[in-house]
Amino acid sequence: MHNQNPQEPSRRARRFRLWEEQDDGRTIAPMDAGGLAQGEQRRSWLEGSVFDPRRHLPPEARAADQARRRQATVPALSRKEARRLSLNVVLAGLMIAGIYLGLMALFLLFCQFVWFR
């Protein structure tokens, strides 16, 4: 066991205190949801890139397009639509899993009857 003086801070506490003294308050890497300020709308990954089809628009038309997209709201799904969407997602996942299982079975049959003969 360590015989530490209760008035003397531990090594970890001293190291942390040194770090606090060096902190000048600057933000190195903001961790706020993709760099968005509260209330700002999330940008598309395409916006501002060379692949953005709106990059050729004049600045006035681009500003009008951005204002229109900010005001557009996503319609809420009804209970029936949400259930149907969930069912389609599950069926798509099952179909992909079935394809992988079928390919694995074909590979095993190929190994058994062709490759290892």
PDB file of N, CA and C in Angstrom:
ATOM      1  N   MET A   1       0.835  -1.192   0.000  1.00  0.00           N
ATOM      2  CA  MET A   1       0.000   0.000   0.000  1.00  0.00           C
ATOM      3  C   MET A   1       0.874   1.249   0.000  1.00  0.00           C
ATOM      4  N   HIS A   2       0.321   2.307  -0.485  1.00  0.00           N
ATOM      5  CA  HIS A   2       1.038   3.569  -0.560  1.00  0.00           C
ATOM      6  C   HIS A   2       0.791   4.360   0.718  1.00  0.00           C
ATOM      7  N   ASN A   3       1.833   4.923   1.219  1.00  0.00           N
ATOM      8  CA  ASN A   3       1.704   5.816   2.358  1.00  0.00           C
ATOM      9  C   ASN A   3       1.719   7.240   1.837  1.00  0.00           C
ATOM     10  N   GLN A   4       0.540   7.741   1.521  1.00  0.00           N
ATOM     11  CA  GLN A   4       0.462   9.089   0.979  1.00  0.00           C
ATOM     12  C   GLN A   4       0.035  10.060   2.063  1.00  0.00           C
ATOM     13  N   ASN A   5       0.566  11.230   1.948  1.00  0.00           N
ATOM     14  CA  ASN A   5       0.178  12.301   2.833  1.00  0.00           C
ATOM     15  C   ASN A   5      -1.185  12.809   2.357  1.00  0.00           C
ATOM     16  N   PRO A   6      -2.205  12.898   3.212  1.00  0.00           N
ATOM     17  CA  PRO A   6      -3.534  13.325   2.738  1.00  0.00           C
ATOM     18  C   PRO A   6      -3.563  14.747   2.199  1.00  0.00           C
ATOM     19  N   GLN A   7      -2.616  15.600   2.620  1.00  0.00           N
ATOM     20  CA  GLN A   7      -2.599  16.964   2.112  1.00  0.00           C
ATOM     21  C   GLN A   7      -1.937  17.041   0.741  1.00  0.00           C
ATOM     22  N   GLU A   8      -1.128  16.064   0.379  1.00  0.00           N
ATOM     23  CA  GLU A   8      -0.416  16.080  -0.898  1.00  0.00           C
ATOM     24  C   GLU A   8      -1.306  15.476  -1.991  1.00  0.00           C
ATOM     25  N   PRO A   9      -1.511  16.187  -3.092  1.00  0.00           N
ATOM     26  CA  PRO A   9      -2.369  15.629  -4.160  1.00  0.00           C
ATOM     27  C   PRO A   9      -1.685  14.444  -4.841  1.00  0.00           C
ATOM     28  N   SER A  10      -2.493  13.544  -5.320  1.00  0.00           N
ATOM     29  CA  SER A  10      -1.948  12.368  -5.994  1.00  0.00           C
ATOM     30  C   SER A  10      -1.308  12.782  -7.317  1.00  0.00           C
ATOM     31  N   ARG A  11      -0.563  11.850  -7.918  1.00  0.00           N
ATOM     32  CA  ARG A  11       0.118  12.141  -9.175  1.00  0.00           C
ATOM     33  C   ARG A  11      -0.894  12.460 -10.278  1.00  0.00           C
ATOM     34  N   ARG A  12      -1.993  11.711 -10.288  1.00  0.00           N
ATOM     35  CA  ARG A  12      -3.022  11.945 -11.305  1.00  0.00           C
ATOM     36  C   ARG A  12      -3.649  13.321 -11.140  1.00  0.00           C
ATOM     37  N   ALA A  13      -3.925  13.716  -9.908  1.00  0.00           N
ATOM     38  CA  ALA A  13      -4.523  15.027  -9.667  1.00  0.00           C
ATOM     39  C   ALA A  13      -3.563  16.135 -10.072  1.00  0.00           C
ATOM     40  N   ARG A  14      -2.252  15.949  -9.815  1.00  0.00           N
ATOM     41  CA  ARG A  14      -1.282  16.956 -10.223  1.00  0.00           C
ATOM     42  C   ARG A  14      -1.218  17.079 -11.744  1.00  0.00           C
ATOM     43  N   ARG A  15      -1.258  15.934 -12.420  1.00  0.00           N
ATOM     44  CA  ARG A  15      -1.210  15.949 -13.882  1.00  0.00           C
ATOM     45  C   ARG A  15      -2.434  16.661 -14.442  1.00  0.00           C
ATOM     46  N   PHE A  16      -3.616  16.405 -13.872  1.00  0.00           N
ATOM     47  CA  PHE A  16      -4.841  17.045 -14.337  1.00  0.00           C
ATOM     48  C   PHE A  16      -4.789  18.546 -14.072  1.00  0.00           C
ATOM     49  N   ARG A  17      -4.250  18.927 -12.920  1.00  0.00           N
ATOM     50  CA  ARG A  17      -4.149  20.345 -12.590  1.00  0.00           C
ATOM     51  C   ARG A  17      -3.217  21.056 -13.573  1.00  0.00           C
ATOM     52  N   LEU A  18      -2.132  20.402 -13.964  1.00  0.00           N
ATOM     53  CA  LEU A  18      -1.234  20.995 -14.948  1.00  0.00           C
ATOM     54  C   LEU A  18      -1.937  21.192 -16.278  1.00  0.00           C
ATOM     55  N   TRP A  19      -2.752  20.226 -16.662  1.00  0.00           N
ATOM     56  CA  TRP A  19      -3.495  20.348 -17.914  1.00  0.00           C
ATOM     57  C   TRP A  19      -4.467  21.512 -17.849  1.00  0.00           C
ATOM     58  N   GLU A  20      -5.153  21.680 -16.707  1.00  0.00           N
ATOM     59  CA  GLU A  20      -6.100  22.784 -16.565  1.00  0.00           C
ATOM     60  C   GLU A  20      -5.394  24.130 -16.661  1.00  0.00           C
ATOM     61  N   GLU A  21      -4.189  24.200 -16.126  1.00  0.00           N
ATOM     62  CA  GLU A  21      -3.458  25.456 -16.182  1.00  0.00           C
ATOM     63  C   GLU A  21      -3.064  25.798 -17.614  1.00  0.00           C
ATOM     64  N   GLN A  22      -2.853  24.795 -18.465  1.00  0.00           N
ATOM     65  CA  GLN A  22      -2.441  25.036 -19.842  1.00  0.00           C
ATOM     66  C   GLN A  22      -3.626  25.329 -20.756  1.00  0.00           C
ATOM     67  N   ASP A  23      -4.841  25.009 -20.331  1.00  0.00           N
ATOM     68  CA  ASP A  23      -6.016  25.206 -21.171  1.00  0.00           C
ATOM     69  C   ASP A  23      -6.312  26.694 -21.306  1.00  0.00           C
ATOM     70  N   ASP A  24      -6.330  27.191 -22.552  1.00  0.00           N
ATOM     71  CA  ASP A  24      -6.603  28.606 -22.766  1.00  0.00           C
ATOM     72  C   ASP A  24      -8.022  28.862 -23.264  1.00  0.00           C
ATOM     73  N   GLY A  25      -8.854  27.824 -23.346  1.00  0.00           N
ATOM     74  CA  GLY A  25     -10.253  28.002 -23.693  1.00  0.00           C
ATOM     75  C   GLY A  25     -10.569  27.962 -25.172  1.00  0.00           C
ATOM     76  N   ARG A  26      -9.566  27.790 -26.033  1.00  0.00           N
ATOM     77  CA  ARG A  26      -9.831  27.731 -27.469  1.00  0.00           C
ATOM     78  C   ARG A  26     -10.481  26.400 -27.822  1.00  0.00           C
ATOM     79  N   THR A  27     -11.342  26.413 -28.835  1.00  0.00           N
ATOM     80  CA  THR A  27     -11.965  25.189 -29.315  1.00  0.00           C
ATOM     81  C   THR A  27     -11.096  24.607 -30.409  1.00  0.00           C
ATOM     82  N   ILE A  28     -10.611  23.394 -30.194  1.00  0.00           N
ATOM     83  CA  ILE A  28      -9.759  22.742 -31.174  1.00  0.00           C
ATOM     84  C   ILE A  28     -10.614  21.977 -32.178  1.00  0.00           C
ATOM     85  N   ALA A  29     -11.527  21.157 -31.685  1.00  0.00           N
ATOM     86  CA  ALA A  29     -12.401  20.375 -32.555  1.00  0.00           C
ATOM     87  C   ALA A  29     -13.808  20.438 -31.979  1.00  0.00           C
ATOM     88  N   PRO A  30     -14.724  21.191 -32.584  1.00  0.00           N
ATOM     89  CA  PRO A  30     -16.077  21.287 -32.045  1.00  0.00           C
ATOM     90  C   PRO A  30     -16.803  19.950 -32.159  1.00  0.00           C
ATOM     91  N   MET A  31     -17.496  19.546 -31.112  1.00  0.00           N
ATOM     92  CA  MET A  31     -18.182  18.262 -31.071  1.00  0.00           C
ATOM     93  C   MET A  31     -19.703  18.444 -31.016  1.00  0.00           C
ATOM     94  N   ASP A  32     -20.209  19.502 -31.629  1.00  0.00           N
ATOM     95  CA  ASP A  32     -21.632  19.784 -31.573  1.00  0.00           C
ATOM     96  C   ASP A  32     -22.322  19.353 -32.866  1.00  0.00           C
ATOM     97  N   ALA A  33     -22.691  18.108 -32.971  1.00  0.00           N
ATOM     98  CA  ALA A  33     -23.524  17.559 -34.053  1.00  0.00           C
ATOM     99  C   ALA A  33     -23.102  18.047 -35.425  1.00  0.00           C
ATOM    100  N   GLY A  34     -21.904  17.751 -35.799  1.00  0.00           N
ATOM    101  CA  GLY A  34     -21.443  18.106 -37.133  1.00  0.00           C
ATOM    102  C   GLY A  34     -21.109  19.567 -37.289  1.00  0.00           C
ATOM    103  N   GLY A  35     -20.819  20.272 -36.212  1.00  0.00           N
ATOM    104  CA  GLY A  35     -20.451  21.675 -36.302  1.00  0.00           C
ATOM    105  C   GLY A  35     -21.636  22.598 -36.486  1.00  0.00           C
ATOM    106  N   LEU A  36     -22.846  22.124 -36.258  1.00  0.00           N
ATOM    107  CA  LEU A  36     -24.025  22.965 -36.441  1.00  0.00           C
ATOM    108  C   LEU A  36     -24.333  23.731 -35.167  1.00  0.00           C
ATOM    109  N   ALA A  37     -24.641  24.978 -35.307  1.00  0.00           N
ATOM    110  CA  ALA A  37     -25.108  25.752 -34.166  1.00  0.00           C
ATOM    111  C   ALA A  37     -26.565  25.369 -33.913  1.00  0.00           C
ATOM    112  N   GLN A  38     -27.011  25.625 -32.716  1.00  0.00           N
ATOM    113  CA  GLN A  38     -28.384  25.263 -32.387  1.00  0.00           C
ATOM    114  C   GLN A  38     -29.345  26.091 -33.235  1.00  0.00           C
ATOM    115  N   GLY A  39     -30.271  25.417 -33.885  1.00  0.00           N
ATOM    116  CA  GLY A  39     -31.253  26.082 -34.718  1.00  0.00           C
ATOM    117  C   GLY A  39     -30.913  26.068 -36.190  1.00  0.00           C
ATOM    118  N   GLU A  40     -29.654  25.789 -36.531  1.00  0.00           N
ATOM    119  CA  GLU A  40     -29.293  25.705 -37.942  1.00  0.00           C
ATOM    120  C   GLU A  40     -29.797  24.398 -38.520  1.00  0.00           C
ATOM    121  N   GLN A  41     -30.050  24.402 -39.808  1.00  0.00           N
ATOM    122  CA  GLN A  41     -30.526  23.191 -40.470  1.00  0.00           C
ATOM    123  C   GLN A  41     -29.336  22.430 -41.033  1.00  0.00           C
ATOM    124  N   ARG A  42     -29.431  21.128 -40.995  1.00  0.00           N
ATOM    125  CA  ARG A  42     -28.341  20.282 -41.492  1.00  0.00           C
ATOM    126  C   ARG A  42     -28.236  20.400 -43.004  1.00  0.00           C
ATOM    127  N   ARG A  43     -27.002  20.518 -43.483  1.00  0.00           N
ATOM    128  CA  ARG A  43     -26.765  20.612 -44.921  1.00  0.00           C
ATOM    129  C   ARG A  43     -26.696  19.221 -45.528  1.00  0.00           C
ATOM    130  N   SER A  44     -26.988  19.164 -46.788  1.00  0.00           N
ATOM    131  CA  SER A  44     -26.831  17.927 -47.530  1.00  0.00           C
ATOM    132  C   SER A  44     -25.349  17.664 -47.729  1.00  0.00           C
ATOM    133  N   TRP A  45     -24.962  16.402 -47.829  1.00  0.00           N
ATOM    134  CA  TRP A  45     -23.555  16.067 -48.058  1.00  0.00           C
ATOM    135  C   TRP A  45     -23.111  16.565 -49.432  1.00  0.00           C
ATOM    136  N   LEU A  46     -24.084  16.756 -50.308  1.00  0.00           N
ATOM    137  CA  LEU A  46     -23.786  17.176 -51.673  1.00  0.00           C
ATOM    138  C   LEU A  46     -23.574  18.682 -51.771  1.00  0.00           C
ATOM    139  N   GLU A  47     -24.177  19.410 -50.847  1.00  0.00           N
ATOM    140  CA  GLU A  47     -24.178  20.864 -50.934  1.00  0.00           C
ATOM    141  C   GLU A  47     -22.765  21.421 -50.801  1.00  0.00           C
ATOM    142  N   GLY A  48     -22.363  22.225 -51.769  1.00  0.00           N
ATOM    143  CA  GLY A  48     -21.058  22.847 -51.756  1.00  0.00           C
ATOM    144  C   GLY A  48     -19.968  22.017 -52.409  1.00  0.00           C
ATOM    145  N   SER A  49     -20.268  20.774 -52.777  1.00  0.00           N
ATOM    146  CA  SER A  49     -19.244  19.945 -53.412  1.00  0.00           C
ATOM    147  C   SER A  49     -19.273  20.144 -54.918  1.00  0.00           C
ATOM    148  N   VAL A  50     -18.302  19.571 -55.596  1.00  0.00           N
ATOM    149  CA  VAL A  50     -18.252  19.701 -57.047  1.00  0.00           C
ATOM    150  C   VAL A  50     -19.364  18.895 -57.716  1.00  0.00           C
ATOM    151  N   PHE A  51     -19.984  17.982 -56.987  1.00  0.00           N
ATOM    152  CA  PHE A  51     -21.057  17.167 -57.544  1.00  0.00           C
ATOM    153  C   PHE A  51     -22.438  17.788 -57.333  1.00  0.00           C
ATOM    154  N   ASP A  52     -22.502  18.937 -56.691  1.00  0.00           N
ATOM    155  CA  ASP A  52     -23.779  19.592 -56.411  1.00  0.00           C
ATOM    156  C   ASP A  52     -24.349  20.174 -57.698  1.00  0.00           C
ATOM    157  N   PRO A  53     -25.539  19.722 -58.125  1.00  0.00           N
ATOM    158  CA  PRO A  53     -26.111  20.256 -59.365  1.00  0.00           C
ATOM    159  C   PRO A  53     -26.513  21.720 -59.246  1.00  0.00           C
ATOM    160  N   ARG A  54     -26.659  22.241 -58.024  1.00  0.00           N
ATOM    161  CA  ARG A  54     -27.073  23.638 -57.841  1.00  0.00           C
ATOM    162  C   ARG A  54     -25.895  24.600 -57.863  1.00  0.00           C
ATOM    163  N   ARG A  55     -24.668  24.096 -58.026  1.00  0.00           N
ATOM    164  CA  ARG A  55     -23.500  24.984 -57.965  1.00  0.00           C
ATOM    165  C   ARG A  55     -23.441  25.933 -59.161  1.00  0.00           C
ATOM    166  N   HIS A  56     -24.151  25.625 -60.241  1.00  0.00           N
ATOM    167  CA  HIS A  56     -24.141  26.478 -61.429  1.00  0.00           C
ATOM    168  C   HIS A  56     -25.217  27.556 -61.374  1.00  0.00           C
ATOM    169  N   LEU A  57     -26.067  27.512 -60.352  1.00  0.00           N
ATOM    170  CA  LEU A  57     -27.113  28.520 -60.235  1.00  0.00           C
ATOM    171  C   LEU A  57     -26.507  29.857 -59.834  1.00  0.00           C
ATOM    172  N   PRO A  58     -27.125  30.954 -60.265  1.00  0.00           N
ATOM    173  CA  PRO A  58     -26.655  32.259 -59.788  1.00  0.00           C
ATOM    174  C   PRO A  58     -26.914  32.381 -58.283  1.00  0.00           C
ATOM    175  N   PRO A  59     -26.180  33.245 -57.594  1.00  0.00           N
ATOM    176  CA  PRO A  59     -26.316  33.345 -56.129  1.00  0.00           C
ATOM    177  C   PRO A  59     -27.732  33.638 -55.652  1.00  0.00           C
ATOM    178  N   GLU A  60     -28.500  34.451 -56.423  1.00  0.00           N
ATOM    179  CA  GLU A  60     -29.873  34.762 -55.995  1.00  0.00           C
ATOM    180  C   GLU A  60     -30.742  33.510 -56.036  1.00  0.00           C
ATOM    181  N   ALA A  61     -30.609  32.737 -57.120  1.00  0.00           N
ATOM    182  CA  ALA A  61     -31.414  31.518 -57.245  1.00  0.00           C
ATOM    183  C   ALA A  61     -30.990  30.488 -56.199  1.00  0.00           C
ATOM    184  N   ARG A  62     -29.688  30.423 -55.899  1.00  0.00           N
ATOM    185  CA  ARG A  62     -29.206  29.493 -54.884  1.00  0.00           C
ATOM    186  C   ARG A  62     -29.761  29.864 -53.507  1.00  0.00           C
ATOM    187  N   ALA A  63     -29.803  31.176 -53.201  1.00  0.00           N
ATOM    188  CA  ALA A  63     -30.342  31.640 -51.920  1.00  0.00           C
ATOM    189  C   ALA A  63     -31.841  31.339 -51.829  1.00  0.00           C
ATOM    190  N   ALA A  64     -32.569  31.546 -52.939  1.00  0.00           N
ATOM    191  CA  ALA A  64     -34.004  31.255 -52.949  1.00  0.00           C
ATOM    192  C   ALA A  64     -34.243  29.754 -52.767  1.00  0.00           C
ATOM    193  N   ASP A  65     -33.398  28.927 -53.385  1.00  0.00           N
ATOM    194  CA  ASP A  65     -33.529  27.470 -53.248  1.00  0.00           C
ATOM    195  C   ASP A  65     -33.267  27.037 -51.808  1.00  0.00           C
ATOM    196  N   GLN A  66     -32.252  27.635 -51.175  1.00  0.00           N
ATOM    197  CA  GLN A  66     -31.963  27.295 -49.781  1.00  0.00           C
ATOM    198  C   GLN A  66     -33.100  27.719 -48.868  1.00  0.00           C
ATOM    199  N   ALA A  67     -33.681  28.889 -49.103  1.00  0.00           N
ATOM    200  CA  ALA A  67     -34.807  29.353 -48.284  1.00  0.00           C
ATOM    201  C   ALA A  67     -36.015  28.437 -48.466  1.00  0.00           C
ATOM    202  N   ARG A  68     -36.259  28.004 -49.714  1.00  0.00           N
ATOM    203  CA  ARG A  68     -37.384  27.099 -49.959  1.00  0.00           C
ATOM    204  C   ARG A  68     -37.178  25.765 -49.253  1.00  0.00           C
ATOM    205  N   ARG A  69     -35.945  25.247 -49.267  1.00  0.00           N
ATOM    206  CA  ARG A  69     -35.681  23.960 -48.617  1.00  0.00           C
ATOM    207  C   ARG A  69     -35.748  24.068 -47.103  1.00  0.00           C
ATOM    208  N   ARG A  70     -35.407  25.246 -46.537  1.00  0.00           N
ATOM    209  CA  ARG A  70     -35.514  25.427 -45.087  1.00  0.00           C
ATOM    210  C   ARG A  70     -36.969  25.404 -44.638  1.00  0.00           C
ATOM    211  N   GLN A  71     -37.856  25.958 -45.464  1.00  0.00           N
ATOM    212  CA  GLN A  71     -39.261  26.035 -45.096  1.00  0.00           C
ATOM    213  C   GLN A  71     -40.003  24.737 -45.356  1.00  0.00           C
ATOM    214  N   ALA A  72     -39.454  23.871 -46.196  1.00  0.00           N
ATOM    215  CA  ALA A  72     -40.125  22.614 -46.508  1.00  0.00           C
ATOM    216  C   ALA A  72     -40.090  21.700 -45.279  1.00  0.00           C
ATOM    217  N   THR A  73     -41.209  21.079 -44.993  1.00  0.00           N
ATOM    218  CA  THR A  73     -41.295  20.167 -43.851  1.00  0.00           C
ATOM    219  C   THR A  73     -41.511  18.753 -44.362  1.00  0.00           C
ATOM    220  N   VAL A  74     -41.012  17.808 -43.617  1.00  0.00           N
ATOM    221  CA  VAL A  74     -41.188  16.407 -43.971  1.00  0.00           C
ATOM    222  C   VAL A  74     -42.562  15.965 -43.458  1.00  0.00           C
ATOM    223  N   PRO A  75     -43.415  15.418 -44.330  1.00  0.00           N
ATOM    224  CA  PRO A  75     -44.731  14.999 -43.861  1.00  0.00           C
ATOM    225  C   PRO A  75     -44.609  13.809 -42.917  1.00  0.00           C
ATOM    226  N   ALA A  76     -45.439  13.796 -41.895  1.00  0.00           N
ATOM    227  CA  ALA A  76     -45.431  12.703 -40.927  1.00  0.00           C
ATOM    228  C   ALA A  76     -46.102  11.477 -41.539  1.00  0.00           C
ATOM    229  N   LEU A  77     -45.596  10.302 -41.205  1.00  0.00           N
ATOM    230  CA  LEU A  77     -46.182   9.061 -41.699  1.00  0.00           C
ATOM    231  C   LEU A  77     -47.363   8.661 -40.835  1.00  0.00           C
ATOM    232  N   SER A  78     -48.379   8.136 -41.494  1.00  0.00           N
ATOM    233  CA  SER A  78     -49.494   7.602 -40.721  1.00  0.00           C
ATOM    234  C   SER A  78     -49.065   6.270 -40.107  1.00  0.00           C
ATOM    235  N   ARG A  79     -49.880   5.738 -39.234  1.00  0.00           N
ATOM    236  CA  ARG A  79     -49.551   4.479 -38.573  1.00  0.00           C
ATOM    237  C   ARG A  79     -49.442   3.342 -39.595  1.00  0.00           C
ATOM    238  N   LYS A  80     -50.345   3.339 -40.573  1.00  0.00           N
ATOM    239  CA  LYS A  80     -50.335   2.298 -41.601  1.00  0.00           C
ATOM    240  C   LYS A  80     -49.086   2.402 -42.474  1.00  0.00           C
ATOM    241  N   GLU A  81     -48.717   3.641 -42.851  1.00  0.00           N
ATOM    242  CA  GLU A  81     -47.524   3.839 -43.670  1.00  0.00           C
ATOM    243  C   GLU A  81     -46.252   3.443 -42.925  1.00  0.00           C
ATOM    244  N   ALA A  82     -46.183   3.776 -41.640  1.00  0.00           N
ATOM    245  CA  ALA A  82     -45.008   3.426 -40.840  1.00  0.00           C
ATOM    246  C   ALA A  82     -44.883   1.912 -40.712  1.00  0.00           C
ATOM    247  N   ARG A  83     -45.997   1.224 -40.511  1.00  0.00           N
ATOM    248  CA  ARG A  83     -45.983  -0.233 -40.406  1.00  0.00           C
ATOM    249  C   ARG A  83     -45.542  -0.856 -41.730  1.00  0.00           C
ATOM    250  N   ARG A  84     -46.050  -0.323 -42.834  1.00  0.00           N
ATOM    251  CA  ARG A  84     -45.686  -0.845 -44.152  1.00  0.00           C
ATOM    252  C   ARG A  84     -44.189  -0.611 -44.443  1.00  0.00           C
ATOM    253  N   LEU A  85     -43.679   0.547 -44.061  1.00  0.00           N
ATOM    254  CA  LEU A  85     -42.270   0.836 -44.241  1.00  0.00           C
ATOM    255  C   LEU A  85     -41.407  -0.116 -43.420  1.00  0.00           C
ATOM    256  N   SER A  86     -41.786  -0.362 -42.179  1.00  0.00           N
ATOM    257  CA  SER A  86     -41.043  -1.290 -41.323  1.00  0.00           C
ATOM    258  C   SER A  86     -41.060  -2.693 -41.903  1.00  0.00           C
ATOM    259  N   LEU A  87     -42.205  -3.126 -42.410  1.00  0.00           N
ATOM    260  CA  LEU A  87     -42.312  -4.457 -43.011  1.00  0.00           C
ATOM    261  C   LEU A  87     -41.407  -4.558 -44.235  1.00  0.00           C
ATOM    262  N   ASN A  88     -41.388  -3.536 -45.067  1.00  0.00           N
ATOM    263  CA  ASN A  88     -40.527  -3.553 -46.251  1.00  0.00           C
ATOM    264  C   ASN A  88     -39.044  -3.598 -45.884  1.00  0.00           C
ATOM    265  N   VAL A  89     -38.657  -2.893 -44.820  1.00  0.00           N
ATOM    266  CA  VAL A  89     -37.267  -2.916 -44.377  1.00  0.00           C
ATOM    267  C   VAL A  89     -36.888  -4.312 -43.899  1.00  0.00           C
ATOM    268  N   VAL A  90     -37.757  -4.946 -43.123  1.00  0.00           N
ATOM    269  CA  VAL A  90     -37.482  -6.302 -42.625  1.00  0.00           C
ATOM    270  C   VAL A  90     -37.405  -7.286 -43.792  1.00  0.00           C
ATOM    271  N   LEU A  91     -38.323  -7.181 -44.744  1.00  0.00           N
ATOM    272  CA  LEU A  91     -38.300  -8.086 -45.898  1.00  0.00           C
ATOM    273  C   LEU A  91     -37.039  -7.891 -46.741  1.00  0.00           C
ATOM    274  N   ALA A  92     -36.597  -6.658 -46.900  1.00  0.00           N
ATOM    275  CA  ALA A  92     -35.367  -6.410 -47.655  1.00  0.00           C
ATOM    276  C   ALA A  92     -34.171  -7.038 -46.945  1.00  0.00           C
ATOM    277  N   GLY A  93     -34.102  -6.927 -45.629  1.00  0.00           N
ATOM    278  CA  GLY A  93     -33.025  -7.544 -44.868  1.00  0.00           C
ATOM    279  C   GLY A  93     -33.052  -9.052 -44.977  1.00  0.00           C
ATOM    280  N   LEU A  94     -34.239  -9.639 -44.903  1.00  0.00           N
ATOM    281  CA  LEU A  94     -34.364 -11.092 -45.039  1.00  0.00           C
ATOM    282  C   LEU A  94     -33.963 -11.553 -46.439  1.00  0.00           C
ATOM    283  N   MET A  95     -34.300 -10.771 -47.443  1.00  0.00           N
ATOM    284  CA  MET A  95     -33.927 -11.133 -48.807  1.00  0.00           C
ATOM    285  C   MET A  95     -32.406 -11.111 -48.973  1.00  0.00           C
ATOM    286  N   ILE A  96     -31.755 -10.104 -48.441  1.00  0.00           N
ATOM    287  CA  ILE A  96     -30.291 -10.026 -48.530  1.00  0.00           C
ATOM    288  C   ILE A  96     -29.654 -11.179 -47.770  1.00  0.00           C
ATOM    289  N   ALA A  97     -30.166 -11.495 -46.579  1.00  0.00           N
ATOM    290  CA  ALA A  97     -29.637 -12.632 -45.814  1.00  0.00           C
ATOM    291  C   ALA A  97     -29.852 -13.933 -46.571  1.00  0.00           C
ATOM    292  N   GLY A  98     -31.006 -14.086 -47.227  1.00  0.00           N
ATOM    293  CA  GLY A  98     -31.269 -15.291 -48.017  1.00  0.00           C
ATOM    294  C   GLY A  98     -30.307 -15.429 -49.185  1.00  0.00           C
ATOM    295  N   ILE A  99     -30.000 -14.317 -49.824  1.00  0.00           N
ATOM    296  CA  ILE A  99     -29.042 -14.359 -50.936  1.00  0.00           C
ATOM    297  C   ILE A  99     -27.675 -14.821 -50.440  1.00  0.00           C
ATOM    298  N   TYR A 100     -27.225 -14.253 -49.323  1.00  0.00           N
ATOM    299  CA  TYR A 100     -25.927 -14.666 -48.775  1.00  0.00           C
ATOM    300  C   TYR A 100     -25.938 -16.149 -48.375  1.00  0.00           C
ATOM    301  N   LEU A 101     -27.004 -16.603 -47.731  1.00  0.00           N
ATOM    302  CA  LEU A 101     -27.084 -18.018 -47.338  1.00  0.00           C
ATOM    303  C   LEU A 101     -27.107 -18.916 -48.572  1.00  0.00           C
ATOM    304  N   GLY A 102     -27.829 -18.526 -49.615  1.00  0.00           N
ATOM    305  CA  GLY A 102     -27.866 -19.314 -50.846  1.00  0.00           C
ATOM    306  C   GLY A 102     -26.494 -19.394 -51.502  1.00  0.00           C
ATOM    307  N   LEU A 103     -25.790 -18.260 -51.553  1.00  0.00           N
ATOM    308  CA  LEU A 103     -24.449 -18.278 -52.123  1.00  0.00           C
ATOM    309  C   LEU A 103     -23.495 -19.137 -51.298  1.00  0.00           C
ATOM    310  N   MET A 104     -23.654 -19.106 -49.984  1.00  0.00           N
ATOM    311  CA  MET A 104     -22.816 -19.940 -49.137  1.00  0.00           C
ATOM    312  C   MET A 104     -23.112 -21.419 -49.369  1.00  0.00           C
ATOM    313  N   ALA A 105     -24.378 -21.770 -49.506  1.00  0.00           N
ATOM    314  CA  ALA A 105     -24.737 -23.160 -49.775  1.00  0.00           C
ATOM    315  C   ALA A 105     -24.192 -23.603 -51.128  1.00  0.00           C
ATOM    316  N   LEU A 106     -24.306 -22.755 -52.151  1.00  0.00           N
ATOM    317  CA  LEU A 106     -23.746 -23.106 -53.459  1.00  0.00           C
ATOM    318  C   LEU A 106     -22.234 -23.285 -53.397  1.00  0.00           C
ATOM    319  N   PHE A 107     -21.553 -22.456 -52.633  1.00  0.00           N
ATOM    320  CA  PHE A 107     -20.107 -22.582 -52.490  1.00  0.00           C
ATOM    321  C   PHE A 107     -19.746 -23.899 -51.798  1.00  0.00           C
ATOM    322  N   LEU A 108     -20.495 -24.255 -50.765  1.00  0.00           N
ATOM    323  CA  LEU A 108     -20.225 -25.523 -50.075  1.00  0.00           C
ATOM    324  C   LEU A 108     -20.477 -26.715 -50.994  1.00  0.00           C
ATOM    325  N   LEU A 109     -21.541 -26.654 -51.787  1.00  0.00           N
ATOM    326  CA  LEU A 109     -21.801 -27.737 -52.739  1.00  0.00           C
ATOM    327  C   LEU A 109     -20.696 -27.812 -53.789  1.00  0.00           C
ATOM    328  N   PHE A 110     -20.238 -26.660 -54.260  1.00  0.00           N
ATOM    329  CA  PHE A 110     -19.136 -26.634 -55.218  1.00  0.00           C
ATOM    330  C   PHE A 110     -17.878 -27.254 -54.609  1.00  0.00           C
ATOM    331  N   CYS A 111     -17.596 -26.878 -53.360  1.00  0.00           N
ATOM    332  CA  CYS A 111     -16.419 -27.452 -52.697  1.00  0.00           C
ATOM    333  C   CYS A 111     -16.551 -28.962 -52.558  1.00  0.00           C
ATOM    334  N   GLN A 112     -17.720 -29.429 -52.174  1.00  0.00           N
ATOM    335  CA  GLN A 112     -17.922 -30.856 -51.916  1.00  0.00           C
ATOM    336  C   GLN A 112     -17.858 -31.685 -53.197  1.00  0.00           C
ATOM    337  N   PHE A 113     -18.497 -31.226 -54.239  1.00  0.00           N
ATOM    338  CA  PHE A 113     -18.644 -32.077 -55.441  1.00  0.00           C
ATOM    339  C   PHE A 113     -17.636 -31.769 -56.557  1.00  0.00           C
ATOM    340  N   VAL A 114     -16.979 -30.597 -56.537  1.00  0.00           N
ATOM    341  CA  VAL A 114     -16.078 -30.257 -57.626  1.00  0.00           C
ATOM    342  C   VAL A 114     -14.646 -30.054 -57.139  1.00  0.00           C
ATOM    343  N   TRP A 115     -14.465 -29.178 -56.208  1.00  0.00           N
ATOM    344  CA  TRP A 115     -13.138 -28.763 -55.811  1.00  0.00           C
ATOM    345  C   TRP A 115     -12.364 -29.857 -55.094  1.00  0.00           C
ATOM    346  N   PHE A 116     -13.005 -30.547 -54.130  1.00  0.00           N
ATOM    347  CA  PHE A 116     -12.319 -31.552 -53.324  1.00  0.00           C
ATOM    348  C   PHE A 116     -12.364 -32.939 -53.899  1.00  0.00           C
ATOM    349  N   ARG A 117     -12.734 -33.129 -55.138  1.00  0.00           N
ATOM    350  CA  ARG A 117     -12.772 -34.460 -55.778  1.00  0.00           C
ATOM    351  C   ARG A 117     -11.454 -34.807 -56.351  1.00  0.00           C
TER     352      ARG A 117
END
